[in-house]
Amino acid sequence: FTDANLTMADILPWSTLDPQKDALLLMVISIAFGLVHILVGMGCKF
C-alpha cells in the first residue's frame, strides 16, 4: 500500500532469528532441546 521496501526486521522492535539465514544456529538449538528432552526421559528411567 505504500510502495516501500521494508522487511520484518525493520518493522519489529526486537532482534529476530531468521531460520533461512541462521539455519545452522537453529539446528543447534533444536538438537540442544532434543538433548534436554532425552535426558529427561533417561532421568525418569534413573
ModelCIF file with pLDDT and N, C-alpha, C, O atoms, coordinates in Angstrom:
data_MODEL
#
_entry.id   MODEL 
#
_entity.id                         1 
_entity.type                       polymer 
_entity.pdbx_number_of_molecules   1 
#
_entity_poly.entity_id                      1 
_entity_poly.type                           'polypeptide(L)' 
_entity_poly.nstd_linkage                   no 
_entity_poly.nstd_monomer                   no 
_entity_poly.pdbx_seq_one_letter_code       FTDANLTMADILPWSTLDPQKDALLLMVISIAFGLVHILVGMGCKF 
_entity_poly.pdbx_seq_one_letter_code_can   FTDANLTMADILPWSTLDPQKDALLLMVISIAFGLVHILVGMGCKF 
_entity_poly.pdbx_strand_id                 A 
#
loop_
_entity_poly_seq.entity_id 
_entity_poly_seq.num 
_entity_poly_seq.mon_id 
_entity_poly_seq.hetero 
1 1  PHE n 
1 2  THR n 
1 3  ASP n 
1 4  ALA n 
1 5  ASN n 
1 6  LEU n 
1 7  THR n 
1 8  MET n 
1 9  ALA n 
1 10 ASP n 
1 11 ILE n 
1 12 LEU n 
1 13 PRO n 
1 14 TRP n 
1 15 SER n 
1 16 THR n 
1 17 LEU n 
1 18 ASP n 
1 19 PRO n 
1 20 GLN n 
1 21 LYS n 
1 22 ASP n 
1 23 ALA n 
1 24 LEU n 
1 25 LEU n 
1 26 LEU n 
1 27 MET n 
1 28 VAL n 
1 29 ILE n 
1 30 SER n 
1 31 ILE n 
1 32 ALA n 
1 33 PHE n 
1 34 GLY n 
1 35 LEU n 
1 36 VAL n 
1 37 HIS n 
1 38 ILE n 
1 39 LEU n 
1 40 VAL n 
1 41 GLY n 
1 42 MET n 
1 43 GLY n 
1 44 CYS n 
1 45 LYS n 
1 46 PHE n 
#
_struct_asym.id          A 
_struct_asym.entity_id   1 
#
loop_
_ma_qa_metric.id 
_ma_qa_metric.mode 
_ma_qa_metric.name 
_ma_qa_metric.software_group_id 
_ma_qa_metric.type 
1 global pLDDT . pLDDT 
2 local  pLDDT . pLDDT 
#
_ma_qa_metric_global.metric_id      1 
_ma_qa_metric_global.metric_value   87.52 
_ma_qa_metric_global.model_id       1 
_ma_qa_metric_global.ordinal_id     1 
#
loop_
_ma_qa_metric_local.label_asym_id 
_ma_qa_metric_local.label_comp_id 
_ma_qa_metric_local.label_seq_id 
_ma_qa_metric_local.metric_id 
_ma_qa_metric_local.metric_value 
_ma_qa_metric_local.model_id 
_ma_qa_metric_local.ordinal_id 
A PHE 1  2 85.00 1 1  
A THR 2  2 86.00 1 2  
A ASP 3  2 82.00 1 3  
A ALA 4  2 82.00 1 4  
A ASN 5  2 85.00 1 5  
A LEU 6  2 85.00 1 6  
A THR 7  2 84.00 1 7  
A MET 8  2 85.00 1 8  
A ALA 9  2 83.00 1 9  
A ASP 10 2 83.00 1 10 
A ILE 11 2 86.00 1 11 
A LEU 12 2 86.00 1 12 
A PRO 13 2 87.00 1 13 
A TRP 14 2 85.00 1 14 
A SER 15 2 85.00 1 15 
A THR 16 2 85.00 1 16 
A LEU 17 2 84.00 1 17 
A ASP 18 2 83.00 1 18 
A PRO 19 2 83.00 1 19 
A GLN 20 2 82.00 1 20 
A LYS 21 2 84.00 1 21 
A ASP 22 2 84.00 1 22 
A ALA 23 2 85.00 1 23 
A LEU 24 2 86.00 1 24 
A LEU 25 2 87.00 1 25 
A LEU 26 2 88.00 1 26 
A MET 27 2 89.00 1 27 
A VAL 28 2 88.00 1 28 
A ILE 29 2 89.00 1 29 
A SER 30 2 90.00 1 30 
A ILE 31 2 90.00 1 31 
A ALA 32 2 91.00 1 32 
A PHE 33 2 91.00 1 33 
A GLY 34 2 91.00 1 34 
A LEU 35 2 92.00 1 35 
A VAL 36 2 93.00 1 36 
A HIS 37 2 92.00 1 37 
A ILE 38 2 92.00 1 38 
A LEU 39 2 93.00 1 39 
A VAL 40 2 93.00 1 40 
A GLY 41 2 92.00 1 41 
A MET 42 2 92.00 1 42 
A GLY 43 2 92.00 1 43 
A CYS 44 2 93.00 1 44 
A LYS 45 2 91.00 1 45 
A PHE 46 2 92.00 1 46 
#
loop_
_atom_site.group_PDB 
_atom_site.id 
_atom_site.type_symbol 
_atom_site.label_atom_id 
_atom_site.label_alt_id 
_atom_site.label_comp_id 
_atom_site.label_asym_id 
_atom_site.label_entity_id 
_atom_site.label_seq_id 
_atom_site.pdbx_PDB_ins_code 
_atom_site.Cartn_x 
_atom_site.Cartn_y 
_atom_site.Cartn_z 
_atom_site.occupancy 
_atom_site.B_iso_or_equiv 
_atom_site.pdbx_formal_charge 
_atom_site.auth_seq_id 
_atom_site.auth_comp_id 
_atom_site.auth_asym_id 
_atom_site.auth_atom_id 
_atom_site.pdbx_PDB_model_num 
ATOM 1   N N  . PHE A 1 1  ? 0.809  -1.226  0.000  1.00 85.00 ? 1  PHE A N  1 
ATOM 2   C CA . PHE A 1 1  ? 0.000  0.000   0.000  1.00 85.00 ? 1  PHE A CA 1 
ATOM 3   C C  . PHE A 1 1  ? 0.838  1.271   0.000  1.00 85.00 ? 1  PHE A C  1 
ATOM 4   O O  . PHE A 1 1  ? 0.309  2.341   -0.301 1.00 85.00 ? 1  PHE A O  1 
ATOM 5   N N  . THR A 1 2  ? 2.130  1.195   0.327  1.00 86.00 ? 2  THR A N  1 
ATOM 6   C CA . THR A 1 2  ? 2.956  2.411   0.422  1.00 86.00 ? 2  THR A CA 1 
ATOM 7   C C  . THR A 1 2  ? 4.111  2.432   -0.566 1.00 86.00 ? 2  THR A C  1 
ATOM 8   O O  . THR A 1 2  ? 4.814  3.438   -0.659 1.00 86.00 ? 2  THR A O  1 
ATOM 9   N N  . ASP A 1 3  ? 4.326  1.350   -1.304 1.00 82.00 ? 3  ASP A N  1 
ATOM 10  C CA . ASP A 1 3  ? 5.455  1.253   -2.241 1.00 82.00 ? 3  ASP A CA 1 
ATOM 11  C C  . ASP A 1 3  ? 6.808  1.365   -1.522 1.00 82.00 ? 3  ASP A C  1 
ATOM 12  O O  . ASP A 1 3  ? 7.801  1.774   -2.123 1.00 82.00 ? 3  ASP A O  1 
ATOM 13  N N  . ALA A 1 4  ? 6.840  1.004   -0.250 1.00 82.00 ? 4  ALA A N  1 
ATOM 14  C CA . ALA A 1 4  ? 8.102  0.996   0.496  1.00 82.00 ? 4  ALA A CA 1 
ATOM 15  C C  . ALA A 1 4  ? 8.824  -0.332  0.255  1.00 82.00 ? 4  ALA A C  1 
ATOM 16  O O  . ALA A 1 4  ? 8.352  -1.179  -0.503 1.00 82.00 ? 4  ALA A O  1 
ATOM 17  N N  . ASN A 1 5  ? 9.946  -0.495  0.898  1.00 85.00 ? 5  ASN A N  1 
ATOM 18  C CA . ASN A 1 5  ? 10.738 -1.727  0.732  1.00 85.00 ? 5  ASN A CA 1 
ATOM 19  C C  . ASN A 1 5  ? 11.257 -2.177  2.097  1.00 85.00 ? 5  ASN A C  1 
ATOM 20  O O  . ASN A 1 5  ? 12.458 -2.361  2.295  1.00 85.00 ? 5  ASN A O  1 
ATOM 21  N N  . LEU A 1 6  ? 10.328 -2.346  3.024  1.00 85.00 ? 6  LEU A N  1 
ATOM 22  C CA . LEU A 1 6  ? 10.703 -2.731  4.381  1.00 85.00 ? 6  LEU A CA 1 
ATOM 23  C C  . LEU A 1 6  ? 10.695 -4.248  4.536  1.00 85.00 ? 6  LEU A C  1 
ATOM 24  O O  . LEU A 1 6  ? 10.031 -4.959  3.781  1.00 85.00 ? 6  LEU A O  1 
ATOM 25  N N  . THR A 1 7  ? 11.439 -4.730  5.523  1.00 84.00 ? 7  THR A N  1 
ATOM 26  C CA . THR A 1 7  ? 11.428 -6.141  5.898  1.00 84.00 ? 7  THR A CA 1 
ATOM 27  C C  . THR A 1 7  ? 10.866 -6.261  7.315  1.00 84.00 ? 7  THR A C  1 
ATOM 28  O O  . THR A 1 7  ? 10.638 -5.262  7.997  1.00 84.00 ? 7  THR A O  1 
ATOM 29  N N  . MET A 1 8  ? 10.653 -7.493  7.734  1.00 85.00 ? 8  MET A N  1 
ATOM 30  C CA . MET A 1 8  ? 10.147 -7.705  9.096  1.00 85.00 ? 8  MET A CA 1 
ATOM 31  C C  . MET A 1 8  ? 11.146 -7.217  10.136 1.00 85.00 ? 8  MET A C  1 
ATOM 32  O O  . MET A 1 8  ? 10.748 -6.747  11.201 1.00 85.00 ? 8  MET A O  1 
ATOM 33  N N  . ALA A 1 9  ? 12.426 -7.323  9.842  1.00 83.00 ? 9  ALA A N  1 
ATOM 34  C CA . ALA A 1 9  ? 13.440 -6.840  10.784 1.00 83.00 ? 9  ALA A CA 1 
ATOM 35  C C  . ALA A 1 9  ? 13.347 -5.329  10.966 1.00 83.00 ? 9  ALA A C  1 
ATOM 36  O O  . ALA A 1 9  ? 13.680 -4.812  12.033 1.00 83.00 ? 9  ALA A O  1 
ATOM 37  N N  . ASP A 1 10 ? 12.893 -4.614  9.925  1.00 83.00 ? 10 ASP A N  1 
ATOM 38  C CA . ASP A 1 10 ? 12.736 -3.159  10.038 1.00 83.00 ? 10 ASP A CA 1 
ATOM 39  C C  . ASP A 1 10 ? 11.497 -2.783  10.834 1.00 83.00 ? 10 ASP A C  1 
ATOM 40  O O  . ASP A 1 10 ? 11.457 -1.722  11.458 1.00 83.00 ? 10 ASP A O  1 
ATOM 41  N N  . ILE A 1 11 ? 10.489 -3.641  10.817 1.00 86.00 ? 11 ILE A N  1 
ATOM 42  C CA . ILE A 1 11 ? 9.219  -3.324  11.485 1.00 86.00 ? 11 ILE A CA 1 
ATOM 43  C C  . ILE A 1 11 ? 9.244  -3.699  12.958 1.00 86.00 ? 11 ILE A C  1 
ATOM 44  O O  . ILE A 1 11 ? 8.792  -2.929  13.805 1.00 86.00 ? 11 ILE A O  1 
ATOM 45  N N  . LEU A 1 12 ? 9.772  -4.881  13.267 1.00 86.00 ? 12 LEU A N  1 
ATOM 46  C CA . LEU A 1 12 ? 9.742  -5.367  14.648 1.00 86.00 ? 12 LEU A CA 1 
ATOM 47  C C  . LEU A 1 12 ? 10.785 -4.658  15.489 1.00 86.00 ? 12 LEU A C  1 
ATOM 48  O O  . LEU A 1 12 ? 11.900 -4.427  15.022 1.00 86.00 ? 12 LEU A O  1 
ATOM 49  N N  . PRO A 1 13 ? 10.440 -4.305  16.734 1.00 87.00 ? 13 PRO A N  1 
ATOM 50  C CA . PRO A 1 13 ? 11.381 -3.565  17.590 1.00 87.00 ? 13 PRO A CA 1 
ATOM 51  C C  . PRO A 1 13 ? 12.387 -4.455  18.324 1.00 87.00 ? 13 PRO A C  1 
ATOM 52  O O  . PRO A 1 13 ? 13.186 -3.945  19.109 1.00 87.00 ? 13 PRO A O  1 
ATOM 53  N N  . TRP A 1 14 ? 12.369 -5.767  18.092 1.00 85.00 ? 14 TRP A N  1 
ATOM 54  C CA . TRP A 1 14 ? 13.298 -6.660  18.771 1.00 85.00 ? 14 TRP A CA 1 
ATOM 55  C C  . TRP A 1 14 ? 14.120 -7.430  17.739 1.00 85.00 ? 14 TRP A C  1 
ATOM 56  O O  . TRP A 1 14 ? 13.749 -7.531  16.570 1.00 85.00 ? 14 TRP A O  1 
ATOM 57  N N  . SER A 1 15 ? 15.242 -7.966  18.207 1.00 85.00 ? 15 SER A N  1 
ATOM 58  C CA . SER A 1 15 ? 16.097 -8.767  17.329 1.00 85.00 ? 15 SER A CA 1 
ATOM 59  C C  . SER A 1 15 ? 15.433 -10.104 17.049 1.00 85.00 ? 15 SER A C  1 
ATOM 60  O O  . SER A 1 15 ? 14.813 -10.693 17.935 1.00 85.00 ? 15 SER A O  1 
ATOM 61  N N  . THR A 1 16 ? 15.561 -10.577 15.834 1.00 85.00 ? 16 THR A N  1 
ATOM 62  C CA . THR A 1 16 ? 14.912 -11.822 15.429 1.00 85.00 ? 16 THR A CA 1 
ATOM 63  C C  . THR A 1 16 ? 15.948 -12.838 14.950 1.00 85.00 ? 16 THR A C  1 
ATOM 64  O O  . THR A 1 16 ? 17.084 -12.497 14.622 1.00 85.00 ? 16 THR A O  1 
ATOM 65  N N  . LEU A 1 17 ? 15.517 -14.085 14.924 1.00 84.00 ? 17 LEU A N  1 
ATOM 66  C CA . LEU A 1 17 ? 16.333 -15.186 14.416 1.00 84.00 ? 17 LEU A CA 1 
ATOM 67  C C  . LEU A 1 17 ? 15.718 -15.662 13.112 1.00 84.00 ? 17 LEU A C  1 
ATOM 68  O O  . LEU A 1 17 ? 14.633 -16.244 13.112 1.00 84.00 ? 17 LEU A O  1 
ATOM 69  N N  . ASP A 1 18 ? 16.400 -15.421 12.006 1.00 83.00 ? 18 ASP A N  1 
ATOM 70  C CA . ASP A 1 18 ? 15.881 -15.766 10.689 1.00 83.00 ? 18 ASP A CA 1 
ATOM 71  C C  . ASP A 1 18 ? 16.239 -17.215 10.375 1.00 83.00 ? 18 ASP A C  1 
ATOM 72  O O  . ASP A 1 18 ? 17.419 -17.522 10.209 1.00 83.00 ? 18 ASP A O  1 
ATOM 73  N N  . PRO A 1 19 ? 15.250 -18.125 10.287 1.00 83.00 ? 19 PRO A N  1 
ATOM 74  C CA . PRO A 1 19 ? 15.567 -19.539 10.016 1.00 83.00 ? 19 PRO A CA 1 
ATOM 75  C C  . PRO A 1 19 ? 16.279 -19.749 8.686  1.00 83.00 ? 19 PRO A C  1 
ATOM 76  O O  . PRO A 1 19 ? 17.034 -20.711 8.539  1.00 83.00 ? 19 PRO A O  1 
ATOM 77  N N  . GLN A 1 20 ? 16.051 -18.864 7.713  1.00 82.00 ? 20 GLN A N  1 
ATOM 78  C CA . GLN A 1 20 ? 16.693 -19.037 6.410  1.00 82.00 ? 20 GLN A CA 1 
ATOM 79  C C  . GLN A 1 20 ? 18.157 -18.624 6.441  1.00 82.00 ? 20 GLN A C  1 
ATOM 80  O O  . GLN A 1 20 ? 18.991 -19.254 5.790  1.00 82.00 ? 20 GLN A O  1 
ATOM 81  N N  . LYS A 1 21 ? 18.474 -17.587 7.179  1.00 84.00 ? 21 LYS A N  1 
ATOM 82  C CA . LYS A 1 21 ? 19.852 -17.109 7.244  1.00 84.00 ? 21 LYS A CA 1 
ATOM 83  C C  . LYS A 1 21 ? 20.637 -17.773 8.379  1.00 84.00 ? 21 LYS A C  1 
ATOM 84  O O  . LYS A 1 21 ? 21.852 -17.946 8.277  1.00 84.00 ? 21 LYS A O  1 
ATOM 85  N N  . ASP A 1 22 ? 19.947 -18.140 9.448  1.00 84.00 ? 22 ASP A N  1 
ATOM 86  C CA . ASP A 1 22 ? 20.611 -18.717 10.626 1.00 84.00 ? 22 ASP A CA 1 
ATOM 87  C C  . ASP A 1 22 ? 20.196 -20.174 10.808 1.00 84.00 ? 22 ASP A C  1 
ATOM 88  O O  . ASP A 1 22 ? 19.908 -20.612 11.922 1.00 84.00 ? 22 ASP A O  1 
ATOM 89  N N  . ALA A 1 23 ? 20.168 -20.919 9.704  1.00 85.00 ? 23 ALA A N  1 
ATOM 90  C CA . ALA A 1 23 ? 19.692 -22.309 9.760  1.00 85.00 ? 23 ALA A CA 1 
ATOM 91  C C  . ALA A 1 23 ? 20.584 -23.169 10.639 1.00 85.00 ? 23 ALA A C  1 
ATOM 92  O O  . ALA A 1 23 ? 20.087 -24.017 11.379 1.00 85.00 ? 23 ALA A O  1 
ATOM 93  N N  . LEU A 1 24 ? 21.907 -22.961 10.569 1.00 86.00 ? 24 LEU A N  1 
ATOM 94  C CA . LEU A 1 24 ? 22.819 -23.771 11.377 1.00 86.00 ? 24 LEU A CA 1 
ATOM 95  C C  . LEU A 1 24 ? 22.608 -23.514 12.865 1.00 86.00 ? 24 LEU A C  1 
ATOM 96  O O  . LEU A 1 24 ? 22.585 -24.452 13.661 1.00 86.00 ? 24 LEU A O  1 
ATOM 97  N N  . LEU A 1 25 ? 22.456 -22.254 13.240 1.00 87.00 ? 25 LEU A N  1 
ATOM 98  C CA . LEU A 1 25 ? 22.207 -21.926 14.639 1.00 87.00 ? 25 LEU A CA 1 
ATOM 99  C C  . LEU A 1 25 ? 20.892 -22.534 15.106 1.00 87.00 ? 25 LEU A C  1 
ATOM 100 O O  . LEU A 1 25 ? 20.808 -23.039 16.226 1.00 87.00 ? 25 LEU A O  1 
ATOM 101 N N  . LEU A 1 26 ? 19.867 -22.493 14.262 1.00 88.00 ? 26 LEU A N  1 
ATOM 102 C CA . LEU A 1 26 ? 18.579 -23.062 14.640 1.00 88.00 ? 26 LEU A CA 1 
ATOM 103 C C  . LEU A 1 26 ? 18.664 -24.581 14.781 1.00 88.00 ? 26 LEU A C  1 
ATOM 104 O O  . LEU A 1 26 ? 17.988 -25.160 15.631 1.00 88.00 ? 26 LEU A O  1 
ATOM 105 N N  . MET A 1 27 ? 19.485 -25.227 13.958 1.00 89.00 ? 27 MET A N  1 
ATOM 106 C CA . MET A 1 27 ? 19.658 -26.672 14.089 1.00 89.00 ? 27 MET A CA 1 
ATOM 107 C C  . MET A 1 27 ? 20.339 -27.012 15.409 1.00 89.00 ? 27 MET A C  1 
ATOM 108 O O  . MET A 1 27 ? 19.982 -27.990 16.067 1.00 89.00 ? 27 MET A O  1 
ATOM 109 N N  . VAL A 1 28 ? 21.328 -26.197 15.795 1.00 88.00 ? 28 VAL A N  1 
ATOM 110 C CA . VAL A 1 28 ? 21.997 -26.414 17.079 1.00 88.00 ? 28 VAL A CA 1 
ATOM 111 C C  . VAL A 1 28 ? 21.007 -26.253 18.230 1.00 88.00 ? 28 VAL A C  1 
ATOM 112 O O  . VAL A 1 28 ? 21.021 -27.036 19.180 1.00 88.00 ? 28 VAL A O  1 
ATOM 113 N N  . ILE A 1 29 ? 20.148 -25.236 18.144 1.00 89.00 ? 29 ILE A N  1 
ATOM 114 C CA . ILE A 1 29 ? 19.138 -25.026 19.186 1.00 89.00 ? 29 ILE A CA 1 
ATOM 115 C C  . ILE A 1 29 ? 18.169 -26.206 19.240 1.00 89.00 ? 29 ILE A C  1 
ATOM 116 O O  . ILE A 1 29 ? 17.790 -26.652 20.323 1.00 89.00 ? 29 ILE A O  1 
ATOM 117 N N  . SER A 1 30 ? 17.770 -26.710 18.075 1.00 90.00 ? 30 SER A N  1 
ATOM 118 C CA . SER A 1 30 ? 16.845 -27.849 18.023 1.00 90.00 ? 30 SER A CA 1 
ATOM 119 C C  . SER A 1 30 ? 17.459 -29.079 18.672 1.00 90.00 ? 30 SER A C  1 
ATOM 120 O O  . SER A 1 30 ? 16.800 -29.766 19.452 1.00 90.00 ? 30 SER A O  1 
ATOM 121 N N  . ILE A 1 31 ? 18.721 -29.359 18.354 1.00 90.00 ? 31 ILE A N  1 
ATOM 122 C CA . ILE A 1 31 ? 19.380 -30.534 18.929 1.00 90.00 ? 31 ILE A CA 1 
ATOM 123 C C  . ILE A 1 31 ? 19.605 -30.339 20.428 1.00 90.00 ? 31 ILE A C  1 
ATOM 124 O O  . ILE A 1 31 ? 19.559 -31.302 21.193 1.00 90.00 ? 31 ILE A O  1 
ATOM 125 N N  . ALA A 1 32 ? 19.850 -29.091 20.853 1.00 91.00 ? 32 ALA A N  1 
ATOM 126 C CA . ALA A 1 32 ? 20.010 -28.824 22.284 1.00 91.00 ? 32 ALA A CA 1 
ATOM 127 C C  . ALA A 1 32 ? 18.708 -29.118 23.031 1.00 91.00 ? 32 ALA A C  1 
ATOM 128 O O  . ALA A 1 32 ? 18.732 -29.711 24.110 1.00 91.00 ? 32 ALA A O  1 
ATOM 129 N N  . PHE A 1 33 ? 17.573 -28.707 22.461 1.00 91.00 ? 33 PHE A N  1 
ATOM 130 C CA . PHE A 1 33 ? 16.281 -29.051 23.060 1.00 91.00 ? 33 PHE A CA 1 
ATOM 131 C C  . PHE A 1 33 ? 16.100 -30.569 23.087 1.00 91.00 ? 33 PHE A C  1 
ATOM 132 O O  . PHE A 1 33 ? 15.585 -31.126 24.057 1.00 91.00 ? 33 PHE A O  1 
ATOM 133 N N  . GLY A 1 34 ? 16.530 -31.229 22.012 1.00 91.00 ? 34 GLY A N  1 
ATOM 134 C CA . GLY A 1 34 ? 16.432 -32.686 21.974 1.00 91.00 ? 34 GLY A CA 1 
ATOM 135 C C  . GLY A 1 34 ? 17.256 -33.345 23.055 1.00 91.00 ? 34 GLY A C  1 
ATOM 136 O O  . GLY A 1 34 ? 16.820 -34.322 23.665 1.00 91.00 ? 34 GLY A O  1 
ATOM 137 N N  . LEU A 1 35 ? 18.458 -32.813 23.301 1.00 92.00 ? 35 LEU A N  1 
ATOM 138 C CA . LEU A 1 35 ? 19.304 -33.365 24.361 1.00 92.00 ? 35 LEU A CA 1 
ATOM 139 C C  . LEU A 1 35 ? 18.622 -33.251 25.721 1.00 92.00 ? 35 LEU A C  1 
ATOM 140 O O  . LEU A 1 35 ? 18.630 -34.199 26.506 1.00 92.00 ? 35 LEU A O  1 
ATOM 141 N N  . VAL A 1 36 ? 18.037 -32.100 25.994 1.00 93.00 ? 36 VAL A N  1 
ATOM 142 C CA . VAL A 1 36 ? 17.328 -31.914 27.267 1.00 93.00 ? 36 VAL A CA 1 
ATOM 143 C C  . VAL A 1 36 ? 16.150 -32.881 27.360 1.00 93.00 ? 36 VAL A C  1 
ATOM 144 O O  . VAL A 1 36 ? 15.903 -33.466 28.415 1.00 93.00 ? 36 VAL A O  1 
ATOM 145 N N  . HIS A 1 37 ? 15.426 -33.045 26.259 1.00 92.00 ? 37 HIS A N  1 
ATOM 146 C CA . HIS A 1 37 ? 14.253 -33.926 26.243 1.00 92.00 ? 37 HIS A CA 1 
ATOM 147 C C  . HIS A 1 37 ? 14.655 -35.374 26.513 1.00 92.00 ? 37 HIS A C  1 
ATOM 148 O O  . HIS A 1 37 ? 14.007 -36.074 27.292 1.00 92.00 ? 37 HIS A O  1 
ATOM 149 N N  . ILE A 1 38 ? 15.733 -35.815 25.859 1.00 92.00 ? 38 ILE A N  1 
ATOM 150 C CA . ILE A 1 38 ? 16.191 -37.190 26.052 1.00 92.00 ? 38 ILE A CA 1 
ATOM 151 C C  . ILE A 1 38 ? 16.722 -37.386 27.468 1.00 92.00 ? 38 ILE A C  1 
ATOM 152 O O  . ILE A 1 38 ? 16.491 -38.432 28.074 1.00 92.00 ? 38 ILE A O  1 
ATOM 153 N N  . LEU A 1 39 ? 17.429 -36.394 28.001 1.00 93.00 ? 39 LEU A N  1 
ATOM 154 C CA . LEU A 1 39 ? 17.936 -36.508 29.375 1.00 93.00 ? 39 LEU A CA 1 
ATOM 155 C C  . LEU A 1 39 ? 16.799 -36.579 30.384 1.00 93.00 ? 39 LEU A C  1 
ATOM 156 O O  . LEU A 1 39 ? 16.920 -37.249 31.409 1.00 93.00 ? 39 LEU A O  1 
ATOM 157 N N  . VAL A 1 40 ? 15.698 -35.896 30.101 1.00 93.00 ? 40 VAL A N  1 
ATOM 158 C CA . VAL A 1 40 ? 14.520 -36.006 30.981 1.00 93.00 ? 40 VAL A CA 1 
ATOM 159 C C  . VAL A 1 40 ? 13.990 -37.432 30.972 1.00 93.00 ? 40 VAL A C  1 
ATOM 160 O O  . VAL A 1 40 ? 13.659 -37.979 32.024 1.00 93.00 ? 40 VAL A O  1 
ATOM 161 N N  . GLY A 1 41 ? 13.906 -38.040 29.781 1.00 92.00 ? 41 GLY A N  1 
ATOM 162 C CA . GLY A 1 41 ? 13.459 -39.426 29.695 1.00 92.00 ? 41 GLY A CA 1 
ATOM 163 C C  . GLY A 1 41 ? 14.396 -40.374 30.420 1.00 92.00 ? 41 GLY A C  1 
ATOM 164 O O  . GLY A 1 41 ? 13.947 -41.288 31.113 1.00 92.00 ? 41 GLY A O  1 
ATOM 165 N N  . MET A 1 42 ? 15.701 -40.160 30.262 1.00 92.00 ? 42 MET A N  1 
ATOM 166 C CA . MET A 1 42 ? 16.669 -41.006 30.953 1.00 92.00 ? 42 MET A CA 1 
ATOM 167 C C  . MET A 1 42 ? 16.621 -40.766 32.459 1.00 92.00 ? 42 MET A C  1 
ATOM 168 O O  . MET A 1 42 ? 16.845 -41.683 33.249 1.00 92.00 ? 42 MET A O  1 
ATOM 169 N N  . GLY A 1 43 ? 16.327 -39.529 32.850 1.00 92.00 ? 43 GLY A N  1 
ATOM 170 C CA . GLY A 1 43 ? 16.159 -39.250 34.274 1.00 92.00 ? 43 GLY A CA 1 
ATOM 171 C C  . GLY A 1 43 ? 14.978 -40.006 34.862 1.00 92.00 ? 43 GLY A C  1 
ATOM 172 O O  . GLY A 1 43 ? 15.027 -40.453 36.008 1.00 92.00 ? 43 GLY A O  1 
ATOM 173 N N  . CYS A 1 44 ? 13.904 -40.150 34.067 1.00 93.00 ? 44 CYS A N  1 
ATOM 174 C CA . CYS A 1 44 ? 12.759 -40.959 34.511 1.00 93.00 ? 44 CYS A CA 1 
ATOM 175 C C  . CYS A 1 44 ? 13.185 -42.412 34.710 1.00 93.00 ? 44 CYS A C  1 
ATOM 176 O O  . CYS A 1 44 ? 12.799 -43.053 35.688 1.00 93.00 ? 44 CYS A O  1 
ATOM 177 N N  . LYS A 1 45 ? 13.991 -42.930 33.765 1.00 91.00 ? 45 LYS A N  1 
ATOM 178 C CA . LYS A 1 45 ? 14.490 -44.302 33.904 1.00 91.00 ? 45 LYS A CA 1 
ATOM 179 C C  . LYS A 1 45 ? 15.372 -44.439 35.144 1.00 91.00 ? 45 LYS A C  1 
ATOM 180 O O  . LYS A 1 45 ? 15.280 -45.432 35.865 1.00 91.00 ? 45 LYS A O  1 
ATOM 181 N N  . PHE A 1 46 ? 16.211 -43.462 35.389 1.00 92.00 ? 46 PHE A N  1 
ATOM 182 C CA . PHE A 1 46 ? 17.071 -43.463 36.573 1.00 92.00 ? 46 PHE A CA 1 
ATOM 183 C C  . PHE A 1 46 ? 16.227 -43.529 37.843 1.00 92.00 ? 46 PHE A C  1 
ATOM 184 O O  . PHE A 1 46 ? 16.773 -43.539 38.946 1.00 92.00 ? 46 PHE A O  1 
#
